[in-house]
């Protein structure tokens, strides 16, 4: 599990002032959801075929990239800014990363936006995060739909407030037919809870006589997870230098390649995503078998 260690840029007085100014202004709201629905998504050759990054013959991007977006608060603290500003800059990093993923030909991008453990944070920070997520859906949905992005949200929904639940459901419904990029948002998500619920579903099927114990296998369990129908991640990236999964995609990441990046999430974009993909292609993925080099 190698790490990429790009140098963190120093903040300047003008940088800090500009971030404070950006945090105090609110962009205009987009068109209504009804107007968004009339916009169509683009078609044409896959993005990776148009990319100038993947030049080696036969080299294709990882199909599925998952990202643990970490370090918003520390990014802000190092610059003497409120944590809320760091979260706002993190939303900008999401926008850059979605665009970069499409340009580099990634088909599935899963982002860890809010874990089920994050509810233990201070109430005012949670309010800021919920507000950012709502505004992101309202203001970016039109562009995402126009660019052919399909949105899918995984995580617990039972305790979500009606406004948030309605925004999530509308975003999924509106973009369901898009094919340029599948953006999977892990929101109020915890992998242990996901696996536990999958096991409970299978146990209920046995009790109801729908399955025999011997019928339970990896495929059946995977089909009970929230990610059913989504390929397992090829590459998982975590920012901020932390070296753990934090209850994210524990089942799905069994054979995923990990790349840990010291830069904080607000610093992330196309350059760091490209570096991580380059590192991914340098790996020898054996899936429990022998190296291709050792059998040559």
Protein backbone atom coordinates (compact mmCIF):
# COMPACT_ATOMS: atom_id res chain seq x y z
CA UNK A 1 0.00 0.00 0.00
CA UNK A 2 2.26 2.74 -1.26
CA UNK A 3 1.65 6.39 -0.59
CA UNK A 4 1.83 9.38 -2.87
CA UNK A 5 3.41 12.30 -1.07
CA UNK A 6 2.85 15.51 -3.00
CA UNK A 7 4.05 18.67 -1.34
CA UNK A 8 1.25 20.56 0.33
CA UNK A 9 1.07 24.13 -0.97
CA UNK A 10 1.54 26.86 1.60
CA UNK A 11 -1.36 29.17 2.24
CA UNK A 12 -0.87 32.90 1.85
CA UNK A 13 -2.67 35.87 3.37
CA UNK A 14 -4.43 36.52 0.06
CA UNK A 15 -5.44 32.85 -0.17
CA UNK A 16 -6.98 32.98 3.29
CA UNK A 17 -8.83 36.20 2.53
CA UNK A 18 -10.20 34.78 -0.72
CA UNK A 19 -11.45 31.63 1.04
CA UNK A 20 -13.17 33.74 3.69
CA UNK A 21 -14.81 35.81 0.96
CA UNK A 22 -15.92 32.71 -0.93
CA UNK A 23 -17.45 31.28 2.22
CA UNK A 24 -19.53 34.42 2.77
CA UNK A 25 -21.11 34.51 -0.69
CA UNK A 26 -23.90 32.30 -1.98
CA UNK A 27 -24.16 31.45 -5.69
CA UNK A 28 -27.52 31.77 -7.35
CA UNK A 29 -29.89 28.82 -7.29
CA UNK A 30 -30.19 26.75 -10.46
CA UNK A 31 -33.27 26.03 -12.49
CA UNK A 32 -36.08 24.11 -10.86
CA UNK A 33 -35.99 20.30 -10.93
CA UNK A 34 -38.74 20.35 -13.54
CA UNK A 35 -36.58 22.52 -15.82
CA UNK A 36 -33.53 20.34 -15.17
CA UNK A 37 -35.46 17.28 -16.29
CA UNK A 38 -35.85 18.66 -19.81
CA UNK A 39 -32.07 18.76 -20.32
CA UNK A 40 -30.45 15.82 -22.06
CA UNK A 41 -27.19 14.02 -21.43
CA UNK A 42 -24.38 13.84 -24.03
CA UNK A 43 -23.47 10.82 -26.09
CA UNK A 44 -20.42 9.89 -28.11
CA UNK A 45 -17.12 8.06 -27.72
CA UNK A 46 -15.99 7.14 -24.19
CA UNK A 47 -14.16 9.94 -22.40
CA UNK A 48 -10.99 7.90 -21.95
CA UNK A 49 -10.63 7.59 -25.73
CA UNK A 50 -10.52 11.39 -25.94
CA UNK A 51 -8.14 11.76 -22.99
CA UNK A 52 -4.55 12.84 -23.49
CA UNK A 53 -3.46 11.21 -20.22
CA UNK A 54 -3.61 7.50 -20.98
CA UNK A 55 -1.27 7.24 -23.93
CA UNK A 56 0.17 3.73 -23.57
CA UNK A 57 -1.38 1.26 -26.06
CA UNK A 58 -4.10 -0.84 -24.46
CA UNK A 59 -4.00 1.11 -21.21
CA UNK A 60 -7.46 1.81 -19.82
CA UNK A 61 -8.46 3.57 -16.60
CA UNK A 62 -9.73 1.65 -13.58
CA UNK A 63 -13.44 1.01 -14.01
CA UNK A 64 -14.31 1.96 -10.44
CA UNK A 65 -12.50 4.45 -8.20
CA UNK A 66 -13.59 4.94 -4.58
CA UNK A 67 -12.42 7.87 -2.48
CA UNK A 68 -12.36 8.57 1.25
CA UNK A 69 -12.47 12.36 1.25
CA UNK A 70 -10.54 13.30 4.38
CA UNK A 71 -8.87 16.40 5.75
CA UNK A 72 -11.29 19.30 5.26
CA UNK A 73 -11.05 20.40 8.89
CA UNK A 74 -7.27 20.15 9.09
CA UNK A 75 -6.92 22.02 5.80
CA UNK A 76 -8.95 24.87 7.29
CA UNK A 77 -7.18 24.80 10.65
CA UNK A 78 -3.74 25.13 9.07
CA UNK A 79 -4.98 28.30 7.34
CA UNK A 80 -6.67 29.80 10.38
CA UNK A 81 -10.12 29.29 8.85
CA UNK A 82 -13.36 27.84 10.27
CA UNK A 83 -13.95 24.15 9.60
CA UNK A 84 -17.03 25.11 7.59
CA UNK A 85 -14.77 26.80 5.04
CA UNK A 86 -12.80 23.57 4.71
CA UNK A 87 -16.00 21.65 4.02
CA UNK A 88 -16.99 24.23 1.42
CA UNK A 89 -13.66 23.84 -0.33
CA UNK A 90 -14.17 20.08 -0.12
CA UNK A 91 -17.34 20.47 -2.20
CA UNK A 92 -15.28 22.27 -4.85
CA UNK A 93 -12.88 19.32 -4.81
CA UNK A 94 -15.82 16.99 -5.46
CA UNK A 95 -16.74 19.04 -8.53
CA UNK A 96 -13.15 18.92 -9.84
CA UNK A 97 -12.91 15.19 -9.20
CA UNK A 98 -16.17 14.36 -10.96
CA UNK A 99 -15.01 16.28 -14.03
CA UNK A 100 -11.57 14.65 -13.91
CA UNK A 101 -13.04 11.15 -13.52
CA UNK A 102 -15.12 11.68 -16.65
CA UNK A 103 -12.16 13.05 -18.59
CA UNK A 104 -9.97 10.11 -17.51
CA UNK A 105 -12.60 7.52 -18.39
CA UNK A 106 -13.59 6.25 -14.96
CA UNK A 107 -17.05 4.67 -15.16
CA UNK A 108 -17.87 4.47 -11.43
CA UNK A 109 -16.81 7.01 -8.81
CA UNK A 110 -17.79 6.34 -5.20
CA UNK A 111 -17.24 9.11 -2.66
CA UNK A 112 -17.53 8.78 1.12
CA UNK A 113 -19.45 11.95 1.90
CA UNK A 114 -20.83 11.25 5.40
CA UNK A 115 -20.35 8.16 7.52
CA UNK A 116 -22.83 6.82 10.06
CA UNK A 117 -20.20 7.65 12.72
CA UNK A 118 -20.07 11.33 11.70
CA UNK A 119 -23.25 12.03 13.69
CA UNK A 120 -21.01 12.18 16.78
CA UNK A 121 -19.52 15.49 15.56
CA UNK A 122 -20.67 18.83 17.02
CA UNK A 123 -24.23 19.75 16.07
CA UNK A 124 -23.24 22.98 14.33
CA UNK A 125 -20.75 21.15 12.12
CA UNK A 126 -23.36 18.55 11.19
CA UNK A 127 -25.77 21.36 10.30
CA UNK A 128 -23.08 22.92 8.08
CA UNK A 129 -22.44 19.58 6.37
CA UNK A 130 -26.12 18.89 5.78
CA UNK A 131 -26.56 22.37 4.34
CA UNK A 132 -23.61 21.89 1.99
CA UNK A 133 -24.94 18.55 0.76
CA UNK A 134 -28.39 20.01 0.11
CA UNK A 135 -26.94 22.97 -1.77
CA UNK A 136 -24.66 20.72 -3.78
CA UNK A 137 -27.64 18.65 -4.96
CA UNK A 138 -29.74 21.72 -5.77
CA UNK A 139 -27.03 23.68 -7.54
CA UNK A 140 -25.04 20.95 -9.26
CA UNK A 141 -27.79 18.55 -10.28
CA UNK A 142 -28.48 20.38 -13.55
CA UNK A 143 -24.84 20.22 -14.66
CA UNK A 144 -24.41 16.62 -13.54
CA UNK A 145 -27.50 15.58 -15.48
CA UNK A 146 -26.44 17.59 -18.52
CA UNK A 147 -23.06 15.85 -18.47
CA UNK A 148 -24.58 12.38 -18.28
CA UNK A 149 -23.85 11.57 -14.63
CA UNK A 150 -26.09 9.01 -12.92
CA UNK A 151 -26.37 9.52 -9.16
CA UNK A 152 -26.86 6.68 -6.70
CA UNK A 153 -26.82 7.11 -2.93
CA UNK A 154 -25.95 4.28 -0.54
CA UNK A 155 -26.44 4.39 3.22
CA UNK A 156 -29.20 4.43 5.81
CA UNK A 157 -32.20 6.59 4.91
CA UNK A 158 -34.67 5.74 7.66
CA UNK A 159 -33.78 8.65 9.95
CA UNK A 160 -33.12 11.30 7.31
CA UNK A 161 -35.21 14.45 7.39
CA UNK A 162 -37.87 14.64 4.65
CA UNK A 163 -36.16 17.47 2.74
CA UNK A 164 -32.85 15.60 2.45
CA UNK A 165 -34.59 12.33 1.57
CA UNK A 166 -36.65 14.06 -1.12
CA UNK A 167 -33.56 15.63 -2.71
CA UNK A 168 -31.74 12.30 -2.78
CA UNK A 169 -34.67 10.43 -4.32
CA UNK A 170 -35.26 13.13 -6.93
CA UNK A 171 -31.58 13.21 -7.93
CA UNK A 172 -31.55 9.43 -8.36
CA UNK A 173 -34.78 9.38 -10.33
CA UNK A 174 -33.79 12.23 -12.61
CA UNK A 175 -30.36 10.86 -13.52
CA UNK A 176 -31.18 7.14 -13.59
CA UNK A 177 -30.84 6.85 -17.37
CA UNK A 178 -27.46 8.59 -17.64
CA UNK A 179 -24.40 6.56 -18.62
CA UNK A 180 -21.33 8.83 -18.83
CA UNK A 181 -20.40 8.35 -15.16
CA UNK A 182 -21.98 6.56 -12.23
CA UNK A 183 -21.51 8.76 -9.16
CA UNK A 184 -22.13 6.68 -6.04
CA UNK A 185 -22.47 8.80 -2.90
CA UNK A 186 -21.98 7.01 0.42
CA UNK A 187 -24.11 9.11 2.77
CA UNK A 188 -24.94 8.06 6.35
CA UNK A 189 -23.10 4.90 5.37
CA UNK A 190 -21.30 2.26 7.44
CA UNK A 191 -19.95 -0.96 5.97
CA UNK A 192 -20.43 -3.08 9.09
CA UNK A 193 -24.11 -2.11 9.26
CA UNK A 194 -24.44 -2.85 5.54
CA UNK A 195 -22.97 -6.35 5.94
CA UNK A 196 -25.05 -7.01 9.07
CA UNK A 197 -28.28 -6.13 7.26
CA UNK A 198 -27.30 -8.34 4.33
CA UNK A 199 -26.78 -11.25 6.74
CA UNK A 200 -30.15 -10.52 8.37
CA UNK A 201 -31.89 -10.60 4.99
CA UNK A 202 -30.35 -13.96 4.18
CA UNK A 203 -31.24 -15.34 7.62
CA UNK A 204 -34.85 -14.20 7.13
CA UNK A 205 -34.95 -15.96 3.75
CA UNK A 206 -33.79 -19.19 5.43
CA UNK A 207 -36.41 -18.85 8.19
CA UNK A 208 -39.11 -18.24 5.58
CA UNK A 209 -38.10 -21.37 3.69
CA UNK A 210 -36.98 -19.39 0.63
CA UNK A 211 -33.35 -20.52 0.99
CA UNK A 212 -31.37 -23.36 2.47
CA UNK A 213 -28.31 -22.54 4.56
CA UNK A 214 -26.17 -24.22 1.93
CA UNK A 215 -27.55 -21.84 -0.70
CA UNK A 216 -25.83 -18.88 0.93
CA UNK A 217 -22.64 -17.89 -0.87
CA UNK A 218 -20.61 -14.79 -1.70
CA UNK A 219 -22.76 -13.91 -4.68
CA UNK A 220 -26.01 -14.04 -2.71
CA UNK A 221 -24.56 -11.95 0.09
CA UNK A 222 -23.15 -9.39 -2.36
CA UNK A 223 -26.58 -9.10 -3.95
CA UNK A 224 -27.99 -8.15 -0.56
CA UNK A 225 -25.54 -5.25 -0.17
CA UNK A 226 -26.43 -1.69 -1.10
CA UNK A 227 -23.85 -1.81 -3.89
CA UNK A 228 -25.52 -4.66 -5.75
CA UNK A 229 -25.05 -4.21 -9.47
CA UNK A 230 -21.98 -2.00 -8.96
CA UNK A 231 -18.55 -3.54 -9.69
CA UNK A 232 -16.12 -3.69 -6.79
CA UNK A 233 -13.64 -0.80 -6.64
CA UNK A 234 -10.40 -1.30 -8.56
CA UNK A 235 -8.73 1.63 -6.81
CA UNK A 236 -9.42 3.21 -3.43
CA UNK A 237 -7.86 6.58 -2.60
CA UNK A 238 -7.70 8.20 0.82
CA UNK A 239 -6.49 11.74 1.32
CA UNK A 240 -4.90 13.46 4.37
CA UNK A 241 -2.30 10.77 5.08
CA UNK A 242 -4.53 8.51 7.20
CA UNK A 243 -4.00 4.77 6.63
CA UNK A 244 -7.33 3.13 7.37
CA UNK A 245 -10.67 2.31 5.73
CA UNK A 246 -12.92 3.87 8.39
CA UNK A 247 -15.79 1.41 7.87
CA UNK A 248 -15.96 2.08 4.12
CA UNK A 249 -16.73 -0.68 1.56
CA UNK A 250 -15.20 -3.41 3.73
CA UNK A 251 -16.70 -6.27 1.69
CA UNK A 252 -16.24 -4.65 -1.71
CA UNK A 253 -12.58 -3.68 -1.18
CA UNK A 254 -11.29 -7.25 -0.75
CA UNK A 255 -9.06 -7.00 -3.84
CA UNK A 256 -8.96 -3.24 -4.26
CA UNK A 257 -5.66 -1.42 -4.71
CA UNK A 258 -5.13 1.28 -2.06
CA UNK A 259 -3.36 4.59 -2.63
CA UNK A 260 -2.91 6.94 0.33
CA UNK A 261 -2.24 10.60 -0.38
CA UNK A 262 -0.88 13.09 2.16
CA UNK A 263 -2.66 16.08 0.61
CA UNK A 264 -5.93 17.13 2.21
CA UNK A 265 -9.18 16.66 0.32
CA UNK A 266 -9.65 20.37 -0.61
CA UNK A 267 -6.35 20.09 -2.54
CA UNK A 268 -7.53 17.12 -4.60
CA UNK A 269 -8.25 17.29 -8.32
CA UNK A 270 -7.25 15.96 -11.71
CA UNK A 271 -3.49 15.97 -11.05
CA UNK A 272 -3.69 13.84 -7.91
CA UNK A 273 -6.32 11.55 -9.42
CA UNK A 274 -4.04 11.03 -12.44
CA UNK A 275 -1.10 10.24 -10.13
CA UNK A 276 -3.18 7.68 -8.25
CA UNK A 277 -4.28 6.04 -11.51
CA UNK A 278 -0.65 5.93 -12.68
CA UNK A 279 0.25 4.21 -9.40
CA UNK A 280 -2.65 1.80 -9.91
CA UNK A 281 -1.30 0.78 -13.31
CA UNK A 282 2.10 0.09 -11.77
CA UNK A 283 0.59 -2.56 -9.48
CA UNK A 284 0.66 -6.28 -10.27
CA UNK A 285 -2.89 -7.39 -9.48
CA UNK A 286 -2.79 -11.14 -8.80
CA UNK A 287 -6.17 -11.75 -7.05
CA UNK A 288 -4.57 -14.54 -5.03
CA UNK A 289 -2.72 -16.10 -7.99
CA UNK A 290 0.85 -15.82 -9.19
CA UNK A 291 2.39 -12.73 -10.64
CA UNK A 292 2.34 -12.55 -14.42
CA UNK A 293 6.03 -11.69 -14.20
CA UNK A 294 6.81 -14.87 -12.21
CA UNK A 295 5.02 -17.11 -14.74
CA UNK A 296 6.54 -15.51 -17.84
